Amino acid sequence: MLTVSSHQQQHLFSSYRAVGLITNHVPCILRIHQRHSSHLLLTAIGKVFHAYRLNTLQVLLVSDPHPEDIQALAANSRLVFVAAGPSIYVYRRVFHLYQTLTDHKGDVQHILPFGDEHLVSVDAANTLRVWDIQSASVYLLLEFDPKNFHITCLLHPATYVNKLLLASRQGTMQLWNIKSNKLLHEFFINDTPATSSITAMAQSTVVDVVAIGYNDGQIRLHNLRYDETLVKFTQDFNGPITSIAFRLDNIPHMATGSSTGHICIWNLDTCHLISQVRQAHKDCPIAALHYIPGEPLLISNGNDNALREWIFDMPDGQSCRLYRERCGHSKSPRCVRFHDNEIILSAGNDGRLRTFHTILDNLSRCFGRTTRYRWEMELNEDDNDND
């Protein structure tokens, strides 16, 4: 009779690794190495984060699980910051835990590195903290009344020393000096509807100019020095602006993401829409957009479990095509079978048949989509709703 020791029983059915999980609704981030040619792309999946090589989109490492789901990621030139629940975990060299910041009472929703020595964070109670990273102590604490100023975005404007720009659900912005703890200016954009809240914000390639995205689909380029709107764009799609990025290879283009999964490319010289990527992420918001410095490449991620890289090499010089991607099922798997010791076949409720390699993620493949199956699934879902 075969017997198993208690030590072996503890590890008999322990998890080995998860396959087919790429990203979720948390915005992905770029970690640029100034002295290295290889850069990293980090995405969140539940309680762990993945680090990908940017030039191949191959998984470099997977972090250890955190106590709670990850809500935000950020990085500076030396460190990676992970917000999970009320705690912020600081990693050195991506995977070595360096500090844990634990002063927040509620879940941390926004984090922003402020230089190499400080970190700005905002929790669910609308309380802002500025941390001294090395000592893990709070340098500054600001409490805001959510009824008057509910923080939605953080930005450190380029060349603005010690200045922090805050955007709100009420549609206003505040510029703070975090060293002297002074409110320097409050921005009221007069011609925006009273119900317009700011949902995205990004620094442009021009000093003093930032892009502001609203929940009604408007995008404004605003000059902070003169408190003046330079130009206004409007997306045709319903829903808020979810992300904004500026091209970083001396071409005046801006990319904006929508809540319906579309990407718009704008020419800032002519102030016109020049191309669109419809359904860049199927029926889900664009979580993040990042142009790669010095290259005609755009990174996007969404809650459809997909990470995509787009290249601008079309003959018109304006449109882009899908260059490479890493994706899994956007809906739950329906049937899973081992093909051999290393390959798993999976059919999902998204109507796609995929193979997942248990060792090398870059060998995973998609065999396509079954339109008839998807149509039948939609009919079954409608019948269930009617019942």
Foldseek 3Di string as FASTA:
>chain_A
DDDDDPVCVVVVPDDDDDWQFFAALEFKDKADAPPDPWTWIWHFDWQKIFIATPVQRWTPDIEDGDPGGWQYWDDDNFWIWTFGWQKIWIDGPHHHTDDIQHPGPTGWHDKDDDPDQWIWTAGPQRKIFIAGVVVSDTPDIDGDDLVVFRFQDWDDFPPPPQWIWTFGQQGKIWIARNVVGDTDDIADDPPDDRRWGWQEKAHEPDHQWIWTKTQQQKIFTARNVVSGTDDMDGDPDGTTWQEKEAAAQPAGWIWIWGQQQKIWIAHPVVRDTDDIDPPVPHRGTWSYWYHDHNFQKIWTDYRLSKIWIWGQDDPVSGDIDTDDMQGGGSAAWDDWDDPDPFWIWTARLQQWIKIAGNPTRVPIDTPDGDPVSNVVSVVVVVVVVVD
